[in-house]
N, C-alpha and C. Protein backbone atom coordinates (compact mmCIF):
# COMPACT_ATOMS: atom_id res chain seq x y z
N GLY A 1 117.72 85.57 108.81
CA GLY A 1 117.85 86.85 108.18
C GLY A 1 119.28 87.23 107.89
N GLY A 2 120.25 86.76 108.70
CA GLY A 2 121.64 87.13 108.48
C GLY A 2 122.27 86.44 107.28
N GLU A 3 121.67 85.37 106.80
CA GLU A 3 122.20 84.62 105.65
C GLU A 3 121.68 85.16 104.34
N ALA A 4 121.03 86.32 104.35
CA ALA A 4 120.35 86.82 103.17
C ALA A 4 120.86 88.19 102.74
N CYS A 5 120.56 88.52 101.50
CA CYS A 5 120.81 89.84 100.96
C CYS A 5 119.47 90.57 100.98
N TRP A 6 119.42 91.73 101.62
CA TRP A 6 118.19 92.49 101.79
C TRP A 6 118.20 93.69 100.85
N ALA A 7 117.05 93.98 100.22
CA ALA A 7 116.92 95.15 99.35
C ALA A 7 115.55 95.77 99.56
N LEU A 8 115.47 97.07 99.38
CA LEU A 8 114.22 97.81 99.57
C LEU A 8 113.80 98.44 98.25
N SER A 9 112.50 98.62 98.06
CA SER A 9 112.02 99.27 96.84
C SER A 9 112.47 100.72 96.78
N SER A 10 112.56 101.36 97.93
CA SER A 10 113.05 102.73 98.05
C SER A 10 113.31 103.00 99.52
N ALA A 11 114.05 104.05 99.80
CA ALA A 11 114.29 104.42 101.20
C ALA A 11 114.72 105.88 101.27
N LYS A 12 114.23 106.56 102.28
CA LYS A 12 114.72 107.91 102.58
C LYS A 12 116.14 107.77 103.08
N HIS A 13 116.98 108.76 102.77
CA HIS A 13 118.37 108.74 103.22
C HIS A 13 118.42 108.58 104.75
N GLY A 14 119.21 107.61 105.20
CA GLY A 14 119.35 107.36 106.63
C GLY A 14 118.26 106.48 107.22
N ASN A 15 117.37 105.95 106.38
CA ASN A 15 116.28 105.08 106.84
C ASN A 15 116.14 103.87 105.93
N GLY A 16 117.23 103.10 105.80
CA GLY A 16 117.26 101.98 104.87
C GLY A 16 117.37 100.63 105.55
N VAL A 17 118.01 99.69 104.86
CA VAL A 17 118.14 98.31 105.33
C VAL A 17 118.85 98.26 106.68
N GLU A 18 119.91 99.04 106.83
CA GLU A 18 120.67 99.01 108.08
C GLU A 18 119.78 99.36 109.27
N GLN A 19 118.94 100.37 109.12
CA GLN A 19 118.05 100.78 110.22
C GLN A 19 116.92 99.77 110.41
N LEU A 20 116.48 99.14 109.35
CA LEU A 20 115.44 98.11 109.45
C LEU A 20 115.92 96.90 110.24
N ARG A 21 117.22 96.62 110.18
CA ARG A 21 117.76 95.39 110.77
C ARG A 21 118.64 95.61 111.98
N ASP A 22 118.73 96.83 112.51
CA ASP A 22 119.70 97.11 113.58
C ASP A 22 119.22 96.77 114.99
N GLU A 23 118.07 96.15 115.12
CA GLU A 23 117.52 95.70 116.40
C GLU A 23 117.19 96.84 117.36
N SER A 24 117.02 98.05 116.83
CA SER A 24 116.62 99.19 117.65
C SER A 24 115.20 99.63 117.27
N ASN A 25 114.36 99.83 118.27
CA ASN A 25 113.01 100.32 118.01
C ASN A 25 112.99 101.82 117.79
N GLU A 26 114.15 102.46 117.88
CA GLU A 26 114.24 103.91 117.67
C GLU A 26 114.53 104.26 116.21
N THR A 27 114.99 103.29 115.42
CA THR A 27 115.28 103.52 114.01
C THR A 27 114.30 102.74 113.16
N PHE A 28 114.21 103.07 111.87
CA PHE A 28 113.19 102.43 111.03
C PHE A 28 113.52 102.59 109.56
N TRP A 29 112.88 101.74 108.72
CA TRP A 29 112.89 101.92 107.27
C TRP A 29 111.75 102.86 106.93
N GLN A 30 112.02 103.82 106.08
CA GLN A 30 110.98 104.71 105.58
C GLN A 30 111.09 104.73 104.06
N SER A 31 110.06 104.22 103.39
CA SER A 31 110.07 104.23 101.93
C SER A 31 109.98 105.66 101.43
N ASP A 32 110.46 105.85 100.20
CA ASP A 32 110.46 107.20 99.65
C ASP A 32 110.45 107.14 98.13
N GLY A 33 109.51 106.41 97.59
CA GLY A 33 109.46 106.28 96.14
C GLY A 33 108.13 105.75 95.70
N PRO A 34 108.07 105.37 94.43
CA PRO A 34 106.81 104.88 93.88
C PRO A 34 106.39 103.56 94.52
N GLN A 35 105.12 103.30 94.48
CA GLN A 35 104.57 102.06 95.03
C GLN A 35 104.81 100.94 94.03
N PRO A 36 104.83 99.69 94.45
CA PRO A 36 104.59 99.22 95.81
C PRO A 36 105.83 99.39 96.70
N HIS A 37 105.61 99.36 98.00
CA HIS A 37 106.68 99.46 98.99
C HIS A 37 107.07 98.03 99.38
N LEU A 38 108.31 97.64 99.05
CA LEU A 38 108.74 96.25 99.20
C LEU A 38 110.00 96.10 100.01
N VAL A 39 110.06 95.01 100.77
CA VAL A 39 111.30 94.51 101.36
C VAL A 39 111.55 93.19 100.65
N ASN A 40 112.67 93.10 99.92
CA ASN A 40 113.03 91.88 99.20
C ASN A 40 114.20 91.22 99.90
N ILE A 41 114.09 89.91 100.07
CA ILE A 41 115.11 89.15 100.79
C ILE A 41 115.53 87.99 99.89
N GLN A 42 116.83 87.88 99.60
CA GLN A 42 117.33 86.79 98.77
C GLN A 42 118.34 85.98 99.57
N PHE A 43 118.04 84.68 99.72
CA PHE A 43 118.91 83.78 100.47
C PHE A 43 119.95 83.16 99.53
N GLN A 44 121.11 82.80 100.07
CA GLN A 44 122.17 82.18 99.28
C GLN A 44 121.85 80.74 98.91
N ARG A 45 121.01 80.13 99.73
CA ARG A 45 120.58 78.75 99.48
C ARG A 45 119.10 78.65 99.83
N LYS A 46 118.47 77.56 99.43
CA LYS A 46 117.07 77.38 99.76
C LYS A 46 116.91 77.25 101.27
N VAL A 47 115.99 78.00 101.85
CA VAL A 47 115.80 78.06 103.29
C VAL A 47 114.33 77.79 103.61
N LYS A 48 114.06 77.00 104.65
CA LYS A 48 112.69 76.82 105.13
C LYS A 48 112.39 77.97 106.08
N VAL A 49 111.36 78.72 105.76
CA VAL A 49 111.01 79.90 106.55
C VAL A 49 109.76 79.59 107.36
N SER A 50 109.84 79.77 108.68
CA SER A 50 108.70 79.48 109.54
C SER A 50 107.86 80.71 109.84
N GLU A 51 108.52 81.88 109.96
CA GLU A 51 107.74 83.09 110.26
C GLU A 51 108.54 84.34 109.95
N LEU A 52 107.80 85.42 109.82
CA LEU A 52 108.35 86.77 109.71
C LEU A 52 107.88 87.52 110.93
N ARG A 53 108.70 88.41 111.44
CA ARG A 53 108.27 89.27 112.54
C ARG A 53 108.58 90.71 112.13
N LEU A 54 107.61 91.57 112.33
CA LEU A 54 107.84 92.97 112.05
C LEU A 54 107.35 93.81 113.21
N TYR A 55 108.07 94.88 113.45
CA TYR A 55 107.72 95.79 114.53
C TYR A 55 107.28 97.10 113.88
N THR A 56 106.10 97.56 114.24
CA THR A 56 105.61 98.84 113.75
C THR A 56 104.68 99.42 114.81
N SER A 57 104.49 100.72 114.74
CA SER A 57 103.67 101.37 115.76
C SER A 57 102.78 102.44 115.15
N PHE A 58 101.49 102.17 115.16
CA PHE A 58 100.53 103.14 114.66
C PHE A 58 100.55 104.41 115.50
N LYS A 59 100.77 104.25 116.81
CA LYS A 59 100.81 105.42 117.70
C LYS A 59 101.90 106.40 117.30
N VAL A 60 103.02 105.87 116.82
CA VAL A 60 104.14 106.72 116.44
C VAL A 60 104.07 107.13 114.96
N ASP A 61 103.71 106.18 114.10
CA ASP A 61 103.81 106.39 112.66
C ASP A 61 102.52 106.87 111.99
N GLU A 62 101.38 106.61 112.61
CA GLU A 62 100.06 106.95 112.10
C GLU A 62 99.90 106.63 110.62
N SER A 63 99.83 107.63 109.76
CA SER A 63 99.49 107.39 108.36
C SER A 63 100.55 106.58 107.61
N TYR A 64 101.76 106.48 108.14
CA TYR A 64 102.80 105.70 107.47
C TYR A 64 102.73 104.21 107.81
N THR A 65 101.91 103.85 108.77
CA THR A 65 101.80 102.45 109.18
C THR A 65 100.99 101.67 108.15
N PRO A 66 101.53 100.56 107.63
CA PRO A 66 100.78 99.78 106.64
C PRO A 66 99.51 99.18 107.24
N SER A 67 98.48 99.09 106.40
CA SER A 67 97.23 98.48 106.85
C SER A 67 97.14 97.01 106.46
N CYS A 68 98.02 96.58 105.57
CA CYS A 68 97.99 95.19 105.10
C CYS A 68 99.39 94.81 104.62
N ILE A 69 99.80 93.58 104.95
CA ILE A 69 101.10 93.07 104.53
C ILE A 69 100.87 91.80 103.71
N SER A 70 101.53 91.72 102.57
CA SER A 70 101.50 90.53 101.73
C SER A 70 102.88 89.90 101.77
N VAL A 71 102.97 88.59 102.04
CA VAL A 71 104.25 87.88 102.06
C VAL A 71 104.25 86.92 100.87
N ARG A 72 105.30 87.02 100.06
CA ARG A 72 105.43 86.17 98.89
C ARG A 72 106.78 85.46 98.94
N ILE A 73 106.81 84.21 98.53
CA ILE A 73 108.08 83.46 98.49
C ILE A 73 108.18 82.68 97.19
N GLY A 74 109.40 82.31 96.83
CA GLY A 74 109.64 81.53 95.62
C GLY A 74 111.12 81.27 95.46
N THR A 75 111.49 80.79 94.26
CA THR A 75 112.90 80.50 93.99
C THR A 75 113.57 81.65 93.25
N ALA A 76 112.78 82.52 92.63
CA ALA A 76 113.32 83.68 91.90
C ALA A 76 112.23 84.76 91.87
N HIS A 77 112.63 85.95 91.43
CA HIS A 77 111.68 87.08 91.42
C HIS A 77 110.43 86.77 90.59
N HIS A 78 110.60 86.07 89.47
CA HIS A 78 109.48 85.83 88.55
C HIS A 78 108.47 84.79 89.05
N ASP A 79 108.81 83.99 90.06
CA ASP A 79 107.86 82.95 90.50
C ASP A 79 107.40 83.12 91.95
N LEU A 80 107.49 84.33 92.48
CA LEU A 80 107.02 84.57 93.85
C LEU A 80 105.53 84.30 93.94
N GLN A 81 105.13 83.55 94.97
CA GLN A 81 103.73 83.23 95.21
C GLN A 81 103.31 83.81 96.55
N GLU A 82 102.15 84.43 96.59
CA GLU A 82 101.65 84.97 97.85
C GLU A 82 101.27 83.82 98.77
N VAL A 83 101.86 83.80 99.98
CA VAL A 83 101.60 82.72 100.92
C VAL A 83 100.85 83.20 102.16
N GLN A 84 100.82 84.51 102.37
CA GLN A 84 100.14 85.03 103.56
C GLN A 84 99.79 86.51 103.33
N VAL A 85 98.59 86.87 103.75
CA VAL A 85 98.15 88.27 103.74
C VAL A 85 97.65 88.57 105.15
N VAL A 86 98.14 89.66 105.72
CA VAL A 86 97.78 90.01 107.09
C VAL A 86 97.24 91.44 107.11
N ASP A 87 96.01 91.58 107.61
CA ASP A 87 95.43 92.91 107.81
C ASP A 87 95.88 93.44 109.16
N LEU A 88 96.30 94.68 109.19
CA LEU A 88 96.79 95.29 110.42
C LEU A 88 95.82 96.38 110.85
N LYS A 89 95.39 96.32 112.09
CA LYS A 89 94.49 97.32 112.66
C LYS A 89 95.24 98.10 113.73
N GLU A 90 95.78 99.24 113.36
CA GLU A 90 96.53 100.10 114.28
C GLU A 90 97.53 99.29 115.12
N PRO A 91 98.46 98.61 114.47
CA PRO A 91 99.41 97.75 115.19
C PRO A 91 100.33 98.56 116.10
N ASP A 92 100.73 97.93 117.19
CA ASP A 92 101.67 98.56 118.10
C ASP A 92 102.53 97.48 118.73
N GLY A 93 103.72 97.27 118.18
CA GLY A 93 104.62 96.26 118.71
C GLY A 93 104.96 95.22 117.67
N TRP A 94 105.44 94.08 118.15
CA TRP A 94 105.86 92.99 117.27
C TRP A 94 104.66 92.25 116.72
N ILE A 95 104.66 92.01 115.43
CA ILE A 95 103.62 91.24 114.74
C ILE A 95 104.30 90.01 114.16
N THR A 96 103.77 88.85 114.47
CA THR A 96 104.32 87.60 113.95
C THR A 96 103.43 87.12 112.81
N ILE A 97 104.05 86.87 111.67
CA ILE A 97 103.34 86.33 110.51
C ILE A 97 103.83 84.91 110.33
N ARG A 98 103.02 83.96 110.72
CA ARG A 98 103.40 82.55 110.65
C ARG A 98 103.22 82.03 109.22
N LEU A 99 104.24 81.31 108.77
CA LEU A 99 104.20 80.72 107.44
C LEU A 99 104.09 79.21 107.51
N ALA A 100 104.16 78.66 108.72
CA ALA A 100 104.03 77.23 108.95
C ALA A 100 103.10 77.02 110.13
N LYS A 101 102.49 75.85 110.17
CA LYS A 101 101.63 75.52 111.32
C LYS A 101 102.50 75.30 112.55
N PRO A 102 102.02 75.69 113.74
CA PRO A 102 102.80 75.46 114.96
C PRO A 102 103.18 73.99 115.11
N ARG A 103 104.38 73.75 115.62
CA ARG A 103 104.91 72.39 115.85
C ARG A 103 104.88 71.54 114.58
N SER A 104 105.15 72.18 113.45
CA SER A 104 105.15 71.46 112.18
C SER A 104 106.44 71.77 111.43
N ASP A 105 106.91 70.81 110.67
CA ASP A 105 108.07 71.04 109.82
C ASP A 105 107.62 71.38 108.41
N ASP A 106 106.33 71.64 108.24
CA ASP A 106 105.77 71.97 106.93
C ASP A 106 105.97 73.47 106.65
N ARG A 107 107.24 73.86 106.58
CA ARG A 107 107.57 75.26 106.33
C ARG A 107 107.87 75.44 104.85
N PRO A 108 107.42 76.56 104.26
CA PRO A 108 107.74 76.78 102.85
C PRO A 108 109.23 77.02 102.67
N GLU A 109 109.77 76.52 101.54
CA GLU A 109 111.17 76.72 101.22
C GLU A 109 111.29 77.86 100.22
N ALA A 110 112.33 78.65 100.36
CA ALA A 110 112.49 79.79 99.47
C ALA A 110 113.95 80.14 99.26
N HIS A 111 114.24 80.59 98.07
CA HIS A 111 115.51 81.25 97.79
C HIS A 111 115.30 82.76 97.88
N ARG A 112 114.04 83.16 97.71
CA ARG A 112 113.73 84.58 97.66
C ARG A 112 112.39 84.83 98.35
N GLY A 113 112.29 85.96 99.03
CA GLY A 113 111.04 86.35 99.68
C GLY A 113 110.80 87.83 99.52
N SER A 114 109.56 88.22 99.64
CA SER A 114 109.20 89.62 99.51
C SER A 114 108.09 89.93 100.49
N CYS A 115 108.17 91.06 101.12
CA CYS A 115 107.16 91.54 102.05
C CYS A 115 106.67 92.87 101.49
N MET A 116 105.37 92.95 101.16
CA MET A 116 104.84 94.14 100.52
C MET A 116 103.76 94.77 101.38
N ALA A 117 103.86 96.06 101.58
CA ALA A 117 102.80 96.81 102.27
C ALA A 117 101.75 97.14 101.23
N ARG A 118 100.51 96.83 101.51
CA ARG A 118 99.45 97.12 100.54
C ARG A 118 98.15 97.41 101.26
N ASP A 119 97.20 97.94 100.53
CA ASP A 119 95.88 98.23 101.06
C ASP A 119 94.86 97.33 100.37
N PRO A 120 94.26 96.38 101.09
CA PRO A 120 93.34 95.44 100.46
C PRO A 120 92.10 96.12 99.89
N GLU A 121 91.73 97.27 100.39
CA GLU A 121 90.54 97.98 99.91
C GLU A 121 90.76 98.56 98.52
N CYS A 122 92.01 98.70 98.11
CA CYS A 122 92.32 99.35 96.85
C CYS A 122 92.89 98.37 95.83
N GLY A 123 92.47 97.13 95.89
CA GLY A 123 92.93 96.14 94.93
C GLY A 123 94.43 95.92 94.95
N GLY A 124 95.04 96.10 96.11
CA GLY A 124 96.47 95.87 96.23
C GLY A 124 97.29 97.14 96.16
N ALA A 125 96.69 98.25 95.78
CA ALA A 125 97.45 99.50 95.74
C ALA A 125 97.63 100.05 97.14
N VAL A 126 98.74 100.67 97.38
CA VAL A 126 99.02 101.24 98.69
C VAL A 126 98.45 102.65 98.73
N ASP A 127 97.72 102.98 99.79
CA ASP A 127 97.05 104.27 99.85
C ASP A 127 97.81 105.30 100.67
N PHE A 128 99.11 105.12 100.86
CA PHE A 128 99.89 106.09 101.59
C PHE A 128 101.20 106.32 100.86
N VAL A 129 101.82 107.42 101.11
CA VAL A 129 103.01 107.82 100.38
C VAL A 129 104.25 107.06 100.85
N ARG A 130 104.37 106.88 102.16
CA ARG A 130 105.55 106.23 102.71
C ARG A 130 105.13 105.12 103.67
N THR A 131 106.05 104.24 103.92
CA THR A 131 105.83 103.13 104.85
C THR A 131 106.93 103.14 105.90
N HIS A 132 106.56 102.89 107.15
CA HIS A 132 107.54 102.71 108.23
C HIS A 132 107.46 101.26 108.70
N PHE A 133 108.56 100.52 108.64
CA PHE A 133 108.73 99.27 109.35
C PHE A 133 109.87 99.56 110.30
N VAL A 134 109.66 99.41 111.59
CA VAL A 134 110.72 99.70 112.53
C VAL A 134 111.75 98.57 112.52
N GLN A 135 111.32 97.34 112.57
CA GLN A 135 112.22 96.19 112.53
C GLN A 135 111.54 95.07 111.75
N LEU A 136 112.33 94.21 111.09
CA LEU A 136 111.81 93.06 110.39
C LEU A 136 112.78 91.92 110.58
N ALA A 137 112.28 90.74 110.96
CA ALA A 137 113.12 89.56 111.18
C ALA A 137 112.53 88.37 110.45
N VAL A 138 113.40 87.52 109.91
CA VAL A 138 113.00 86.28 109.25
C VAL A 138 113.50 85.14 110.09
N LEU A 139 112.61 84.20 110.43
CA LEU A 139 113.02 83.05 111.24
C LEU A 139 112.87 81.78 110.43
N SER A 140 113.93 80.98 110.45
CA SER A 140 113.89 79.72 109.71
C SER A 140 114.01 78.55 110.65
């Protein structure tokens, strides 16, 4: 994650990339704009990504907690391919989204990645106004 440039689709003042990545469970990213709600990550070189980890809490965030996460990777914005979709049921704590099989070097390579909060019941549309991700980490 430290070798990348991080960007958000939107953020409330004081709840942006810095708070998403500061390793504190007391701070968070809060989207504040039109859907979709995205975290975009661009690496300086092609990187094999094994997993994403995100921390969120339904107990604290309730309606702002995403119900579904879509992970897309590629070499540029125009060729991102969805590689994982995870349904979240009132999550509380760290969620690991594996992109490779355990004990395997078969990890997808990417110059660019995107993590999108979405609602699978609505054909991909997000059914909430804002999203809270407390922390997000990329492991290669």
